[in-house]
Amino acid sequence: MVGQERVWMITGATSGLGLALAAAALEAGEKVAGTARRLERFDALLSHYGSALLPIAHDVRDVTRASEVVEQVVERFGRVDVLVNNAGVGQVGAAEEVSDAQLRDMLDQHLFGPAALVRAVLPGMRARGTGAIVQMSSQGGRRTFPGVGSYSAGKFALEGWSEALAAEVAPFGIRVLIVEPSRFRTEFNDPGVLLTAGPDSAYDRVLSGVRHDMTTSAGRQEGDPARAAAAIREVLAAQHAPLRLPLGAEAVRNLTRAYEHARDEVRSWAEVATSADFPDATPPTRVL
């Protein structure tokens, strides 16, 4: 975007990393269309940045309005240069505790909602031959642990969908960045924000530590949202940006260990795994 200020569309732009990204873009003189379920939460940003900010009332789970929301942005600012799919919440509960409706809600917020908005912005980005899509995932989108399976299910799905998306849209000059934060000092762990499934005492021994940590860590998270926003902006400006960006020291440590463990496990069982092929099978010429 040489010589032209970027237009950002950020979901969940009134708190956490979404708010930090919105503030950073506005401070840099760029335009921001932000979505939130309650418009009054934009009051502070509006009073400071005025017409550079377009607040839009939208629940990311309402996929039927995705095109309409993008049209509002285009009508006001002419285009969307950067889409940031940030809206969503966490959920704690064992697989047996989480209902079908609660599991679907995680997928609605973290996969179907973002996918609908991506589909809505892609025609314009393809026509211009440029654009960026930032998918706010989590370190829980590559590794998980007891009690957060429903949340990770949405983030794992988002990452798989986005990895394919990145290869599909790269020929059109569109970049995809999957961000995998660790614990940041946002509202994520606040009471009333973090969702919890009805606890089953059978899982107390397994999940008591997780439940306590997830529900009592508000205000003690290591990550700084403003620094996270600066890091994301730096990576988007890089000539050779990665597909995935672990964000925060904990994410770097945990994901490094997860990748190393997965590699070692594949190597340990490679002989058994490869024995499943026909002995005279010809290896594929195309490696995915």
Protein backbone atom coordinates (compact mmCIF):
# COMPACT_ATOMS: atom_id res chain seq x y z
CA MET A 1 0.00 0.00 0.00
CA VAL A 2 2.64 2.52 -1.08
CA GLY A 3 1.36 6.09 -0.86
CA GLN A 4 -2.09 4.97 0.33
CA GLU A 5 -3.30 4.54 3.89
CA ARG A 6 -4.52 1.05 4.67
CA VAL A 7 -8.09 0.18 5.60
CA TRP A 8 -8.39 -2.36 8.38
CA MET A 9 -11.45 -4.41 9.27
CA ILE A 10 -11.10 -5.87 12.76
CA THR A 11 -13.67 -8.06 14.50
CA GLY A 12 -13.89 -7.84 18.26
CA ALA A 13 -12.20 -4.44 18.08
CA THR A 14 -13.26 -3.10 21.48
CA SER A 15 -11.10 -5.28 23.71
CA GLY A 16 -7.87 -7.23 23.90
CA LEU A 17 -5.71 -7.74 20.86
CA GLY A 18 -8.43 -6.42 18.55
CA LEU A 19 -8.51 -3.12 20.41
CA ALA A 20 -4.71 -2.94 20.46
CA LEU A 21 -4.55 -3.47 16.69
CA ALA A 22 -7.29 -0.91 16.07
CA ALA A 23 -5.55 1.70 18.21
CA ALA A 24 -2.18 1.05 16.54
CA ALA A 25 -3.67 1.42 13.05
CA LEU A 26 -5.57 4.59 13.94
CA GLU A 27 -2.51 6.08 15.61
CA ALA A 28 -0.57 5.42 12.40
CA GLY A 29 -3.14 7.46 10.44
CA GLU A 30 -4.89 4.46 8.92
CA LYS A 31 -8.62 3.73 8.69
CA VAL A 32 -10.34 1.11 10.83
CA ALA A 33 -13.73 -0.54 10.59
CA GLY A 34 -14.31 -2.36 13.85
CA THR A 35 -17.04 -4.76 14.83
CA ALA A 36 -18.44 -5.50 18.25
CA ARG A 37 -21.74 -6.65 19.66
CA ARG A 38 -22.17 -3.41 21.66
CA LEU A 39 -21.46 -0.15 19.83
CA GLU A 40 -21.12 1.92 23.01
CA ARG A 41 -17.80 0.19 23.64
CA PHE A 42 -16.37 2.22 20.74
CA ASP A 43 -17.08 5.56 22.46
CA ALA A 44 -13.52 6.20 23.66
CA LEU A 45 -11.96 5.41 20.28
CA LEU A 46 -14.57 7.47 18.45
CA SER A 47 -14.02 10.52 20.62
CA HIS A 48 -10.28 10.37 19.91
CA TYR A 49 -10.13 9.33 16.25
CA GLY A 50 -13.48 10.46 14.84
CA SER A 51 -14.29 9.60 11.23
CA ALA A 52 -11.18 7.43 10.81
CA LEU A 53 -13.11 4.77 12.74
CA LEU A 54 -16.25 3.03 11.51
CA PRO A 55 -17.99 1.11 14.31
CA ILE A 56 -20.25 -1.74 13.19
CA ALA A 57 -22.58 -3.75 15.39
CA HIS A 58 -22.02 -7.39 14.49
CA ASP A 59 -21.93 -10.78 16.15
CA VAL A 60 -19.33 -12.82 14.26
CA ARG A 61 -21.57 -15.88 14.56
CA ASP A 62 -24.14 -14.21 12.29
CA VAL A 63 -22.66 -15.45 9.01
CA THR A 64 -25.69 -14.26 7.04
CA ARG A 65 -24.59 -10.64 7.59
CA ALA A 66 -20.94 -11.08 6.60
CA SER A 67 -21.34 -9.63 3.11
CA GLU A 68 -23.47 -6.77 4.40
CA VAL A 69 -20.84 -5.86 6.99
CA VAL A 70 -18.06 -5.82 4.39
CA GLU A 71 -20.25 -3.72 2.09
CA GLN A 72 -20.59 -1.12 4.85
CA VAL A 73 -16.81 -0.87 5.06
CA VAL A 74 -16.40 -0.58 1.30
CA GLU A 75 -19.13 2.06 1.11
CA ARG A 76 -17.35 4.16 3.75
CA PHE A 77 -13.66 3.59 2.98
CA GLY A 78 -13.64 2.12 -0.53
CA ARG A 79 -12.03 -1.24 0.23
CA VAL A 80 -10.65 -3.62 2.87
CA ASP A 81 -6.87 -3.98 2.83
CA VAL A 82 -6.44 -6.00 6.03
CA LEU A 83 -9.08 -8.27 7.55
CA VAL A 84 -8.37 -9.30 11.15
CA ASN A 85 -10.57 -12.13 12.42
CA ASN A 86 -10.12 -11.56 16.13
CA ALA A 87 -13.54 -11.95 17.79
CA GLY A 88 -14.08 -14.96 20.01
CA VAL A 89 -13.97 -16.25 23.58
CA GLY A 90 -12.45 -19.12 25.50
CA GLN A 91 -14.23 -22.09 27.02
CA VAL A 92 -13.24 -24.54 29.74
CA GLY A 93 -14.72 -28.01 30.04
CA ALA A 94 -13.91 -31.67 29.48
CA ALA A 95 -15.23 -33.36 26.33
CA GLU A 96 -17.93 -35.10 28.36
CA GLU A 97 -19.00 -31.86 30.00
CA VAL A 98 -19.29 -29.71 26.85
CA SER A 99 -22.67 -29.97 25.13
CA ASP A 100 -23.22 -30.11 21.37
CA ALA A 101 -24.50 -26.53 21.46
CA GLN A 102 -21.41 -25.32 23.34
CA LEU A 103 -19.07 -27.10 20.94
CA ARG A 104 -20.90 -25.70 17.91
CA ASP A 105 -20.67 -22.22 19.42
CA MET A 106 -16.88 -22.50 19.49
CA LEU A 107 -16.86 -23.51 15.83
CA ASP A 108 -19.29 -20.73 14.93
CA GLN A 109 -17.08 -18.10 16.57
CA HIS A 110 -13.68 -19.39 15.53
CA LEU A 111 -14.26 -21.02 12.13
CA PHE A 112 -17.58 -20.31 10.42
CA GLY A 113 -17.74 -16.62 11.32
CA PRO A 114 -14.19 -15.85 10.15
CA ALA A 115 -14.66 -17.99 7.01
CA ALA A 116 -17.76 -16.02 6.02
CA LEU A 117 -15.93 -12.70 6.36
CA VAL A 118 -12.95 -14.00 4.38
CA ARG A 119 -15.25 -15.04 1.55
CA ALA A 120 -16.81 -11.58 1.62
CA VAL A 121 -13.51 -9.65 1.35
CA LEU A 122 -11.73 -11.89 -1.15
CA PRO A 123 -13.38 -10.65 -4.38
CA GLY A 124 -12.22 -7.09 -3.73
CA MET A 125 -8.72 -8.17 -2.71
CA ARG A 126 -8.38 -10.38 -5.78
CA ALA A 127 -9.53 -7.56 -8.06
CA ARG A 128 -6.87 -5.22 -6.60
CA GLY A 129 -4.19 -7.91 -6.49
CA THR A 130 -3.32 -7.17 -2.88
CA GLY A 131 -4.55 -7.69 0.67
CA ALA A 132 -3.88 -9.40 3.98
CA ILE A 133 -5.95 -11.70 6.17
CA VAL A 134 -4.92 -12.04 9.80
CA GLN A 135 -6.43 -15.01 11.62
CA MET A 136 -6.14 -14.65 15.37
CA SER A 137 -5.71 -18.23 16.53
CA SER A 138 -3.91 -19.32 19.69
CA GLN A 139 -1.07 -21.52 20.81
CA GLY A 140 -4.13 -23.71 21.47
CA GLY A 141 -4.59 -23.90 17.73
CA ARG A 142 -1.50 -26.14 17.42
CA ARG A 143 -1.37 -27.87 20.81
CA THR A 144 -3.97 -28.44 23.47
CA PHE A 145 -4.44 -29.83 26.95
CA PRO A 146 -7.28 -31.22 29.10
CA GLY A 147 -10.21 -28.86 29.58
CA VAL A 148 -9.83 -26.70 26.49
CA GLY A 149 -10.67 -29.18 23.75
CA SER A 150 -13.77 -27.32 22.57
CA TYR A 151 -11.88 -24.03 22.27
CA SER A 152 -8.95 -25.70 20.53
CA ALA A 153 -11.33 -27.51 18.16
CA GLY A 154 -12.33 -24.14 16.71
CA LYS A 155 -8.76 -22.86 16.54
CA PHE A 156 -7.36 -26.09 15.05
CA ALA A 157 -10.09 -25.93 12.40
CA LEU A 158 -9.34 -22.26 11.69
CA GLU A 159 -5.64 -23.03 11.22
CA GLY A 160 -6.22 -25.94 8.84
CA TRP A 161 -8.70 -23.92 6.80
CA SER A 162 -6.35 -20.91 6.75
CA GLU A 163 -3.29 -22.92 5.72
CA ALA A 164 -5.12 -24.08 2.59
CA LEU A 165 -6.47 -20.55 2.08
CA ALA A 166 -2.96 -19.10 2.12
CA ALA A 167 -1.88 -21.27 -0.81
CA GLU A 168 -5.09 -20.55 -2.71
CA VAL A 169 -4.85 -16.75 -2.52
CA ALA A 170 -1.07 -16.22 -2.72
CA PRO A 171 -1.16 -16.13 -6.57
CA PHE A 172 -3.51 -13.13 -6.28
CA GLY A 173 -1.08 -11.16 -4.11
CA ILE A 174 -3.03 -11.84 -0.89
CA ARG A 175 -1.17 -12.76 2.29
CA VAL A 176 -2.51 -14.88 5.17
CA LEU A 177 -1.02 -14.64 8.66
CA ILE A 178 -2.06 -17.04 11.44
CA VAL A 179 -1.27 -15.52 14.85
CA GLU A 180 -0.83 -17.91 17.79
CA PRO A 181 -0.77 -15.90 21.04
CA SER A 182 0.05 -17.25 24.46
CA ARG A 183 -1.49 -15.54 27.51
CA PHE A 184 -2.04 -11.81 27.01
CA ARG A 185 -3.37 -9.30 29.49
CA THR A 186 -6.83 -9.00 27.96
CA GLU A 187 -10.38 -9.78 29.10
CA PHE A 188 -10.02 -13.39 27.88
CA ASN A 189 -9.79 -14.86 31.41
CA ASP A 190 -12.17 -12.41 33.08
CA PRO A 191 -15.17 -13.79 34.99
CA GLY A 192 -18.23 -13.43 32.80
CA VAL A 193 -16.14 -13.55 29.62
CA LEU A 194 -14.49 -16.96 29.81
CA LEU A 195 -17.13 -19.64 29.26
CA THR A 196 -17.25 -22.72 31.46
CA ALA A 197 -19.15 -25.96 30.93
CA GLY A 198 -21.07 -27.43 33.82
CA PRO A 199 -18.42 -29.28 35.85
CA ASP A 200 -18.71 -33.02 36.43
CA SER A 201 -17.09 -34.05 39.72
CA ALA A 202 -15.65 -37.13 37.97
CA TYR A 203 -13.14 -34.78 36.32
CA ASP A 204 -12.16 -32.79 39.40
CA ARG A 205 -8.81 -34.54 39.76
CA VAL A 206 -7.97 -34.06 36.09
CA LEU A 207 -9.17 -30.51 35.59
CA SER A 208 -9.04 -28.74 38.95
CA GLY A 209 -5.67 -27.14 38.18
CA VAL A 210 -6.73 -26.08 34.69
CA ARG A 211 -10.02 -24.64 35.92
CA HIS A 212 -8.24 -22.68 38.64
CA ASP A 213 -5.53 -21.34 36.34
CA MET A 214 -7.91 -20.32 33.55
CA THR A 215 -10.35 -18.56 35.87
CA THR A 216 -7.85 -16.79 38.16
CA SER A 217 -5.13 -15.55 35.80
CA ALA A 218 -6.82 -12.28 34.80
CA GLY A 219 -4.36 -9.41 35.24
CA ARG A 220 -1.37 -11.75 35.59
CA GLN A 221 -0.92 -12.74 31.93
CA GLU A 222 2.59 -12.17 30.57
CA GLY A 223 1.68 -10.71 27.17
CA ASP A 224 1.32 -6.99 26.42
CA PRO A 225 -1.43 -6.35 23.81
CA ALA A 226 0.23 -3.15 22.55
CA ARG A 227 3.52 -4.96 21.94
CA ALA A 228 1.59 -7.78 20.25
CA ALA A 229 -0.03 -5.30 17.87
CA ALA A 230 3.38 -3.84 17.02
CA ALA A 231 4.76 -7.33 16.32
CA ILE A 232 1.85 -8.21 14.02
CA ARG A 233 2.25 -4.95 12.11
CA GLU A 234 5.98 -5.59 11.74
CA VAL A 235 5.42 -9.08 10.34
CA LEU A 236 2.76 -7.85 7.90
CA ALA A 237 5.26 -5.29 6.60
CA ALA A 238 7.99 -7.90 6.10
CA GLN A 239 8.84 -8.97 2.57
CA HIS A 240 8.94 -12.65 3.50
CA ALA A 241 6.41 -13.10 6.30
CA PRO A 242 5.73 -16.49 7.91
CA LEU A 243 2.40 -18.25 7.66
CA ARG A 244 2.30 -18.68 11.44
CA LEU A 245 3.43 -16.26 14.15
CA PRO A 246 3.67 -17.64 17.70
CA LEU A 247 3.17 -14.58 19.90
CA GLY A 248 4.73 -14.32 23.34
CA ALA A 249 7.60 -16.23 24.93
CA GLU A 250 5.32 -18.95 26.30
CA ALA A 251 3.90 -19.65 22.84
CA VAL A 252 7.38 -19.88 21.36
CA ARG A 253 8.49 -22.34 24.07
CA ASN A 254 5.35 -24.47 24.02
CA LEU A 255 5.03 -24.69 20.26
CA THR A 256 8.72 -25.47 19.83
CA ARG A 257 8.36 -28.38 22.25
CA ALA A 258 5.16 -29.52 20.54
CA TYR A 259 6.79 -29.55 17.10
CA GLU A 260 9.85 -31.40 18.42
CA HIS A 261 7.67 -34.00 20.17
CA ALA A 262 5.57 -34.54 17.03
CA ARG A 263 8.69 -34.94 14.88
CA ASP A 264 10.20 -37.45 17.30
CA GLU A 265 6.96 -39.43 17.46
CA VAL A 266 6.71 -39.67 13.66
CA ARG A 267 10.31 -40.86 13.43
CA SER A 268 9.86 -43.41 16.22
CA TRP A 269 6.90 -45.05 14.50
CA ALA A 270 7.95 -44.49 10.87
CA GLU A 271 8.71 -48.16 10.20
CA VAL A 272 5.31 -49.31 11.44
CA ALA A 273 3.54 -46.46 9.67
CA THR A 274 5.16 -47.08 6.28
CA SER A 275 4.47 -50.82 6.49
CA ALA A 276 0.81 -50.05 5.71
CA ASP A 277 1.62 -49.45 2.00
CA PHE A 278 1.53 -52.15 -0.68
CA PRO A 279 5.09 -53.47 -1.03
CA ASP A 280 5.19 -52.62 -4.75
CA ALA A 281 3.46 -49.22 -4.39
CA THR A 282 4.94 -46.35 -6.39
CA PRO A 283 5.57 -43.21 -4.34
CA PRO A 284 3.51 -40.22 -5.51
CA THR A 285 5.34 -37.76 -7.71
CA ARG A 286 3.56 -34.81 -6.07
CA VAL A 287 4.27 -34.27 -2.40
CA LEU A 288 1.58 -32.27 -0.59
